PDB file of N, CA and C in Angstrom:
ATOM      1  N   MET A   1       0.965  -1.114  -0.027  1.00  0.00           N
ATOM      2  CA  MET A   1      -0.012   0.072  -0.084  1.00  0.00           C
ATOM      3  C   MET A   1       0.937   1.225   0.032  1.00  0.00           C
ATOM      4  N   ILE A   2       0.530   2.137  -0.920  1.00  0.00           N
ATOM      5  CA  ILE A   2       1.318   3.349  -0.941  1.00  0.00           C
ATOM      6  C   ILE A   2       0.737   4.271   0.087  1.00  0.00           C
ATOM      7  N   ARG A   3       1.823   4.723   0.906  1.00  0.00           N
ATOM      8  CA  ARG A   3       1.518   5.799   2.052  1.00  0.00           C
ATOM      9  C   ARG A   3       1.267   7.138   1.478  1.00  0.00           C
ATOM     10  N   PRO A   4       0.322   7.993   1.889  1.00  0.00           N
ATOM     11  CA  PRO A   4       0.065   9.381   1.235  1.00  0.00           C
ATOM     12  C   PRO A   4       1.116  10.271   1.642  1.00  0.00           C
ATOM     13  N   LEU A   5       1.414  11.171   0.612  1.00  0.00           N
ATOM     14  CA  LEU A   5       2.441  12.414   1.139  1.00  0.00           C
ATOM     15  C   LEU A   5       1.650  13.550   1.324  1.00  0.00           C
ATOM     16  N   LYS A   6       2.292  14.465   2.135  1.00  0.00           N
ATOM     17  CA  LYS A   6       1.929  15.733   2.304  1.00  0.00           C
ATOM     18  C   LYS A   6       2.803  16.757   2.035  1.00  0.00           C
ATOM     19  N   ILE A   7       2.470  18.109   1.636  1.00  0.00           N
ATOM     20  CA  ILE A   7       3.322  19.108   1.638  1.00  0.00           C
ATOM     21  C   ILE A   7       3.762  19.547   2.930  1.00  0.00           C
ATOM     22  N   CYS A   8       5.328  19.489   3.022  1.00  0.00           N
ATOM     23  CA  CYS A   8       5.905  19.763   4.338  1.00  0.00           C
ATOM     24  C   CYS A   8       5.346  21.288   4.781  1.00  0.00           C
ATOM     25  N   PRO A   9       4.739  21.226   6.009  1.00  0.00           N
ATOM     26  CA  PRO A   9       4.312  22.639   6.318  1.00  0.00           C
ATOM     27  C   PRO A   9       5.465  23.620   6.970  1.00  0.00           C
ATOM     28  N   ASN A  10       6.492  23.109   7.349  1.00  0.00           N
ATOM     29  CA  ASN A  10       7.740  23.457   7.946  1.00  0.00           C
ATOM     30  C   ASN A  10       8.455  24.372   6.789  1.00  0.00           C
ATOM     31  N   CYS A  11       8.480  24.055   5.498  1.00  0.00           N
ATOM     32  CA  CYS A  11       8.958  24.840   4.328  1.00  0.00           C
ATOM     33  C   CYS A  11       8.129  25.025   3.310  1.00  0.00           C
ATOM     34  N   ASP A  12       6.949  24.662   3.451  1.00  0.00           N
ATOM     35  CA  ASP A  12       5.769  24.952   2.455  1.00  0.00           C
ATOM     36  C   ASP A  12       6.354  24.100   1.135  1.00  0.00           C
ATOM     37  N   GLY A  13       6.791  22.989   1.241  1.00  0.00           N
ATOM     38  CA  GLY A  13       7.163  22.311   0.018  1.00  0.00           C
ATOM     39  C   GLY A  13       8.317  22.681  -0.891  1.00  0.00           C
ATOM     40  N   ARG A  14       9.169  23.722  -0.234  1.00  0.00           N
ATOM     41  CA  ARG A  14      10.271  24.356  -1.052  1.00  0.00           C
ATOM     42  C   ARG A  14      11.601  23.413  -0.701  1.00  0.00           C
ATOM     43  N   GLY A  15      11.579  22.794   0.593  1.00  0.00           N
ATOM     44  CA  GLY A  15      12.812  21.906   0.968  1.00  0.00           C
ATOM     45  C   GLY A  15      13.835  22.785   1.657  1.00  0.00           C
ATOM     46  N   PHE A  16      13.683  24.149   1.818  1.00  0.00           N
ATOM     47  CA  PHE A  16      14.529  24.921   2.571  1.00  0.00           C
ATOM     48  C   PHE A  16      13.931  25.919   3.305  1.00  0.00           C
ATOM     49  N   ASN A  17      14.525  26.574   4.004  1.00  0.00           N
ATOM     50  CA  ASN A  17      13.916  27.889   4.825  1.00  0.00           C
ATOM     51  C   ASN A  17      14.811  28.927   4.843  1.00  0.00           C
ATOM     52  N   LYS A  18      14.254  30.141   5.111  1.00  0.00           N
ATOM     53  CA  LYS A  18      15.304  31.420   5.085  1.00  0.00           C
ATOM     54  C   LYS A  18      15.074  31.908   6.396  1.00  0.00           C
ATOM     55  N   ALA A  19      16.359  32.566   6.624  1.00  0.00           N
ATOM     56  CA  ALA A  19      16.084  33.376   8.030  1.00  0.00           C
ATOM     57  C   ALA A  19      16.901  34.669   7.823  1.00  0.00           C
ATOM     58  N   THR A  20      16.578  35.786   8.430  1.00  0.00           N
ATOM     59  CA  THR A  20      17.202  36.982   8.383  1.00  0.00           C
ATOM     60  C   THR A  20      17.938  37.096   9.422  1.00  0.00           C
ATOM     61  N   MET A  21      19.148  37.471   9.556  1.00  0.00           N
ATOM     62  CA  MET A  21      20.015  37.722  10.736  1.00  0.00           C
ATOM     63  C   MET A  21      20.218  39.134  10.997  1.00  0.00           C
ATOM     64  N   GLU A  22      20.843  39.619  12.149  1.00  0.00           N
ATOM     65  CA  GLU A  22      21.344  40.623  12.437  1.00  0.00           C
ATOM     66  C   GLU A  22      21.970  41.674  11.067  1.00  0.00           C
ATOM     67  N   CYS A  23      22.768  40.832  10.450  1.00  0.00           N
ATOM     68  CA  CYS A  23      23.487  41.472   9.372  1.00  0.00           C
ATOM     69  C   CYS A  23      22.442  41.797   8.228  1.00  0.00           C
ATOM     70  N   GLU A  24      21.370  41.365   8.346  1.00  0.00           N
ATOM     71  CA  GLU A  24      20.474  41.750   7.182  1.00  0.00           C
ATOM     72  C   GLU A  24      20.388  40.681   6.072  1.00  0.00           C
ATOM     73  N   ASP A  25      21.117  39.737   5.995  1.00  0.00           N
ATOM     74  CA  ASP A  25      21.518  38.775   5.083  1.00  0.00           C
ATOM     75  C   ASP A  25      20.507  37.564   5.108  1.00  0.00           C
ATOM     76  N   ASN A  26      19.954  37.354   3.911  1.00  0.00           N
ATOM     77  CA  ASN A  26      19.187  36.001   4.125  1.00  0.00           C
ATOM     78  C   ASN A  26      19.882  34.885   4.268  1.00  0.00           C
ATOM     79  N   ILE A  27      19.975  34.013   5.233  1.00  0.00           N
ATOM     80  CA  ILE A  27      20.363  32.825   5.366  1.00  0.00           C
ATOM     81  C   ILE A  27      19.487  31.628   4.824  1.00  0.00           C
ATOM     82  N   ILE A  28      19.940  30.542   4.035  1.00  0.00           N
ATOM     83  CA  ILE A  28      19.030  29.655   3.582  1.00  0.00           C
ATOM     84  C   ILE A  28      19.758  28.487   4.069  1.00  0.00           C
ATOM     85  N   PHE A  29      18.858  27.608   4.724  1.00  0.00           N
ATOM     86  CA  PHE A  29      19.084  26.065   5.171  1.00  0.00           C
ATOM     87  C   PHE A  29      18.103  25.047   4.871  1.00  0.00           C
ATOM     88  N   LYS A  30      18.583  23.956   4.830  1.00  0.00           N
ATOM     89  CA  LYS A  30      17.845  22.810   4.420  1.00  0.00           C
ATOM     90  C   LYS A  30      16.787  22.599   5.656  1.00  0.00           C
ATOM     91  N   CYS A  31      15.483  21.961   5.024  1.00  0.00           N
ATOM     92  CA  CYS A  31      14.504  21.786   5.878  1.00  0.00           C
ATOM     93  C   CYS A  31      14.831  20.320   6.604  1.00  0.00           C
ATOM     94  N   LYS A  32      14.715  20.197   7.984  1.00  0.00           N
ATOM     95  CA  LYS A  32      15.240  19.026   8.674  1.00  0.00           C
ATOM     96  C   LYS A  32      13.994  18.062   8.814  1.00  0.00           C
ATOM     97  N   ILE A  33      12.691  18.691   8.635  1.00  0.00           N
ATOM     98  CA  ILE A  33      11.613  17.874   8.888  1.00  0.00           C
ATOM     99  C   ILE A  33      11.474  16.972   7.797  1.00  0.00           C
ATOM    100  N   CYS A  34      11.462  17.458   6.510  1.00  0.00           N
ATOM    101  CA  CYS A  34      11.269  16.642   5.259  1.00  0.00           C
ATOM    102  C   CYS A  34      12.634  16.269   4.562  1.00  0.00           C
ATOM    103  N   ASP A  35      13.853  16.592   5.027  1.00  0.00           N
ATOM    104  CA  ASP A  35      15.150  16.155   4.666  1.00  0.00           C
ATOM    105  C   ASP A  35      15.336  16.818   3.334  1.00  0.00           C
ATOM    106  N   SER A  36      14.699  17.993   3.089  1.00  0.00           N
ATOM    107  CA  SER A  36      14.823  18.898   1.781  1.00  0.00           C
ATOM    108  C   SER A  36      14.149  18.183   0.801  1.00  0.00           C
ATOM    109  N   LYS A  37      13.174  17.434   0.816  1.00  0.00           N
ATOM    110  CA  LYS A  37      12.397  16.759   0.029  1.00  0.00           C
ATOM    111  C   LYS A  37      11.209  17.431  -0.549  1.00  0.00           C
ATOM    112  N   GLY A  38      10.720  18.416   0.464  1.00  0.00           N
ATOM    113  CA  GLY A  38       9.374  19.076   0.285  1.00  0.00           C
ATOM    114  C   GLY A  38       8.080  18.197   0.692  1.00  0.00           C
ATOM    115  N   LYS A  39       8.169  17.105   0.805  1.00  0.00           N
ATOM    116  CA  LYS A  39       7.097  16.314   1.244  1.00  0.00           C
ATOM    117  C   LYS A  39       7.257  15.496   2.251  1.00  0.00           C
ATOM    118  N   ILE A  40       6.388  14.767   3.071  1.00  0.00           N
ATOM    119  CA  ILE A  40       6.418  14.087   4.232  1.00  0.00           C
ATOM    120  C   ILE A  40       5.407  13.081   4.246  1.00  0.00           C
ATOM    121  N   ASP A  41       5.885  11.974   4.874  1.00  0.00           N
ATOM    122  CA  ASP A  41       4.714  10.909   4.934  1.00  0.00           C
ATOM    123  C   ASP A  41       3.586  11.383   5.857  1.00  0.00           C
ATOM    124  N   GLY A  42       2.266  11.388   5.205  1.00  0.00           N
ATOM    125  CA  GLY A  42       1.088  11.877   5.828  1.00  0.00           C
ATOM    126  C   GLY A  42       0.720  11.094   6.964  1.00  0.00           C
ATOM    127  N   GLU A  43       1.428   9.625   7.156  1.00  0.00           N
ATOM    128  CA  GLU A  43       0.877   9.018   8.401  1.00  0.00           C
ATOM    129  C   GLU A  43       2.134   9.000   9.458  1.00  0.00           C
ATOM    130  N   LYS A  44       3.056   9.657   9.300  1.00  0.00           N
ATOM    131  CA  LYS A  44       4.408   9.704  10.132  1.00  0.00           C
ATOM    132  C   LYS A  44       3.949  10.506  11.312  1.00  0.00           C
ATOM    133  N   TYR A  45       4.251  10.224  12.586  1.00  0.00           N
ATOM    134  CA  TYR A  45       4.029  11.093  13.625  1.00  0.00           C
ATOM    135  C   TYR A  45       5.108  12.033  13.952  1.00  0.00           C
ATOM    136  N   PHE A  46       4.728  13.363  14.370  1.00  0.00           N
ATOM    137  CA  PHE A  46       5.512  14.320  14.593  1.00  0.00           C
ATOM    138  C   PHE A  46       5.206  14.931  15.917  1.00  0.00           C
ATOM    139  N   PHE A  47       6.177  15.369  16.862  1.00  0.00           N
ATOM    140  CA  PHE A  47       5.988  16.385  17.958  1.00  0.00           C
ATOM    141  C   PHE A  47       5.473  17.616  17.623  1.00  0.00           C
ATOM    142  N   GLN A  48       4.412  18.215  17.890  1.00  0.00           N
ATOM    143  CA  GLN A  48       4.126  19.426  17.491  1.00  0.00           C
ATOM    144  C   GLN A  48       3.470  20.318  18.445  1.00  0.00           C
ATOM    145  N   THR A  49       3.848  21.581  18.309  1.00  0.00           N
ATOM    146  CA  THR A  49       3.160  22.676  19.283  1.00  0.00           C
ATOM    147  C   THR A  49       2.334  23.777  18.466  1.00  0.00           C
ATOM    148  N   TYR A  50       1.346  24.156  19.188  1.00  0.00           N
ATOM    149  CA  TYR A  50       0.529  25.274  18.528  1.00  0.00           C
ATOM    150  C   TYR A  50      -0.115  26.109  19.613  1.00  0.00           C
ATOM    151  N   THR A  51      -0.577  27.329  19.265  1.00  0.00           N
ATOM    152  CA  THR A  51      -1.177  28.159  20.404  1.00  0.00           C
ATOM    153  C   THR A  51      -2.721  28.021  20.279  1.00  0.00           C
ATOM    154  N   GLU A  52      -3.364  27.864  21.318  1.00  0.00           N
ATOM    155  CA  GLU A  52      -4.923  27.733  21.435  1.00  0.00           C
ATOM    156  C   GLU A  52      -5.397  29.287  21.518  1.00  0.00           C
ATOM    157  N   PRO A  53      -6.684  29.298  21.008  1.00  0.00           N
ATOM    158  CA  PRO A  53      -7.120  30.624  20.893  1.00  0.00           C
ATOM    159  C   PRO A  53      -7.168  31.632  22.140  1.00  0.00           C
ATOM    160  N   HIS A  54      -7.138  30.925  23.391  1.00  0.00           N
ATOM    161  CA  HIS A  54      -7.155  31.532  24.496  1.00  0.00           C
ATOM    162  C   HIS A  54      -5.657  31.890  24.953  1.00  0.00           C
ATOM    163  N   GLY A  55      -4.543  31.460  24.135  1.00  0.00           N
ATOM    164  CA  GLY A  55      -3.145  31.793  24.498  1.00  0.00           C
ATOM    165  C   GLY A  55      -2.319  30.743  25.055  1.00  0.00           C
ATOM    166  N   SER A  56      -2.809  29.585  25.440  1.00  0.00           N
ATOM    167  CA  SER A  56      -1.921  28.567  25.871  1.00  0.00           C
ATOM    168  C   SER A  56      -1.424  27.771  24.872  1.00  0.00           C
ATOM    169  N   THR A  57      -0.303  27.236  25.205  1.00  0.00           N
ATOM    170  CA  THR A  57       0.459  26.261  24.161  1.00  0.00           C
ATOM    171  C   THR A  57      -0.119  24.741  24.358  1.00  0.00           C
ATOM    172  N   THR A  58      -0.143  24.147  23.246  1.00  0.00           N
ATOM    173  CA  THR A  58      -0.679  22.751  23.225  1.00  0.00           C
ATOM    174  C   THR A  58       0.462  21.856  22.580  1.00  0.00           C
ATOM    175  N   PHE A  59       0.689  20.862  23.216  1.00  0.00           N
ATOM    176  CA  PHE A  59       1.483  19.634  22.646  1.00  0.00           C
ATOM    177  C   PHE A  59       0.911  18.726  21.993  1.00  0.00           C
ATOM    178  N   TYR A  60       1.180  18.157  20.898  1.00  0.00           N
ATOM    179  CA  TYR A  60       0.543  17.173  20.052  1.00  0.00           C
ATOM    180  C   TYR A  60       1.470  16.221  19.572  1.00  0.00           C
ATOM    181  N   ASN A  61       1.281  14.991  19.427  1.00  0.00           N
ATOM    182  CA  ASN A  61       2.046  13.946  18.723  1.00  0.00           C
ATOM    183  C   ASN A  61       1.324  13.055  17.978  1.00  0.00           C
ATOM    184  N   GLY A  62       1.382  13.312  16.640  1.00  0.00           N
ATOM    185  CA  GLY A  62       0.588  12.590  15.785  1.00  0.00           C
ATOM    186  C   GLY A  62       0.944  13.072  14.353  1.00  0.00           C
ATOM    187  N   PRO A  63       0.223  12.702  13.132  1.00  0.00           N
ATOM    188  CA  PRO A  63       0.111  13.247  11.874  1.00  0.00           C
ATOM    189  C   PRO A  63       0.148  14.702  11.843  1.00  0.00           C
ATOM    190  N   VAL A  64       1.179  15.094  10.881  1.00  0.00           N
ATOM    191  CA  VAL A  64       1.261  16.600  10.831  1.00  0.00           C
ATOM    192  C   VAL A  64      -0.177  17.327  10.688  1.00  0.00           C
ATOM    193  N   LEU A  65      -0.186  18.487  11.376  1.00  0.00           N
ATOM    194  CA  LEU A  65      -1.432  19.397  11.368  1.00  0.00           C
ATOM    195  C   LEU A  65      -1.170  20.221  10.226  1.00  0.00           C
ATOM    196  N   ASP A  66      -2.398  20.777   9.832  1.00  0.00           N
ATOM    197  CA  ASP A  66      -2.532  21.913   8.809  1.00  0.00           C
ATOM    198  C   ASP A  66      -2.232  23.212   9.396  1.00  0.00           C
ATOM    199  N   LYS A  67      -1.078  23.959   9.087  1.00  0.00           N
ATOM    200  CA  LYS A  67      -0.639  25.159   9.712  1.00  0.00           C
ATOM    201  C   LYS A  67      -1.527  26.267   9.509  1.00  0.00           C
ATOM    202  N   LYS A  68      -2.487  26.242   8.738  1.00  0.00           N
ATOM    203  CA  LYS A  68      -3.617  27.374   8.409  1.00  0.00           C
ATOM    204  C   LYS A  68      -4.451  27.065   9.459  1.00  0.00           C
ATOM    205  N   LEU A  69      -4.777  26.025  10.147  1.00  0.00           N
ATOM    206  CA  LEU A  69      -5.649  25.918  11.031  1.00  0.00           C
ATOM    207  C   LEU A  69      -5.494  26.076  12.649  1.00  0.00           C
ATOM    208  N   PHE A  70      -3.805  25.899  12.639  1.00  0.00           N
ATOM    209  CA  PHE A  70      -3.374  26.188  14.154  1.00  0.00           C
ATOM    210  C   PHE A  70      -2.134  27.140  14.131  1.00  0.00           C
ATOM    211  N   LYS A  71      -2.621  28.134  14.952  1.00  0.00           N
ATOM    212  CA  LYS A  71      -1.658  29.151  15.085  1.00  0.00           C
ATOM    213  C   LYS A  71      -0.407  28.879  15.690  1.00  0.00           C
ATOM    214  N   ASP A  72       0.732  29.432  14.985  1.00  0.00           N
ATOM    215  CA  ASP A  72       1.976  29.353  15.562  1.00  0.00           C
ATOM    216  C   ASP A  72       2.462  27.736  15.444  1.00  0.00           C
ATOM    217  N   LEU A  73       2.037  26.893  14.540  1.00  0.00           N
ATOM    218  CA  LEU A  73       2.466  25.625  14.584  1.00  0.00           C
ATOM    219  C   LEU A  73       3.869  25.181  14.362  1.00  0.00           C
ATOM    220  N   LYS A  74       4.397  24.467  15.257  1.00  0.00           N
ATOM    221  CA  LYS A  74       5.778  24.370  15.197  1.00  0.00           C
ATOM    222  C   LYS A  74       5.866  22.844  15.164  1.00  0.00           C
ATOM    223  N   ILE A  75       6.705  22.211  14.324  1.00  0.00           N
ATOM    224  CA  ILE A  75       6.949  20.828  14.176  1.00  0.00           C
ATOM    225  C   ILE A  75       8.527  20.800  14.666  1.00  0.00           C
ATOM    226  N   ASN A  76       8.572  19.745  15.747  1.00  0.00           N
ATOM    227  CA  ASN A  76       9.853  19.417  16.143  1.00  0.00           C
ATOM    228  C   ASN A  76      10.482  18.458  15.377  1.00  0.00           C
ATOM    229  N   GLU A  77      12.099  18.592  15.426  1.00  0.00           N
ATOM    230  CA  GLU A  77      12.755  17.632  14.367  1.00  0.00           C
ATOM    231  C   GLU A  77      12.814  16.214  15.193  1.00  0.00           C
ATOM    232  N   ASP A  78      12.733  16.045  16.450  1.00  0.00           N
ATOM    233  CA  ASP A  78      12.924  14.656  16.987  1.00  0.00           C
ATOM    234  C   ASP A  78      11.557  14.018  17.148  1.00  0.00           C
TER     235      ASP A  78
END
């Protein structure tokens, strides 16, 4: 059976992320969640955190959540 693939919400399917540092240069680094592939296994479990509407942080371990529906969604590497 083929496992479903999802676009990586950490890098939005690009395979890399950008960060701006104090020197105002963009630094590009590989996405560690999808190993720079842009897609992840839709059934693999990830440790994730997000902010509830009332402000508290929720911890979740399961298939990747939709970052459009969960405020400040963060996917942990391990």
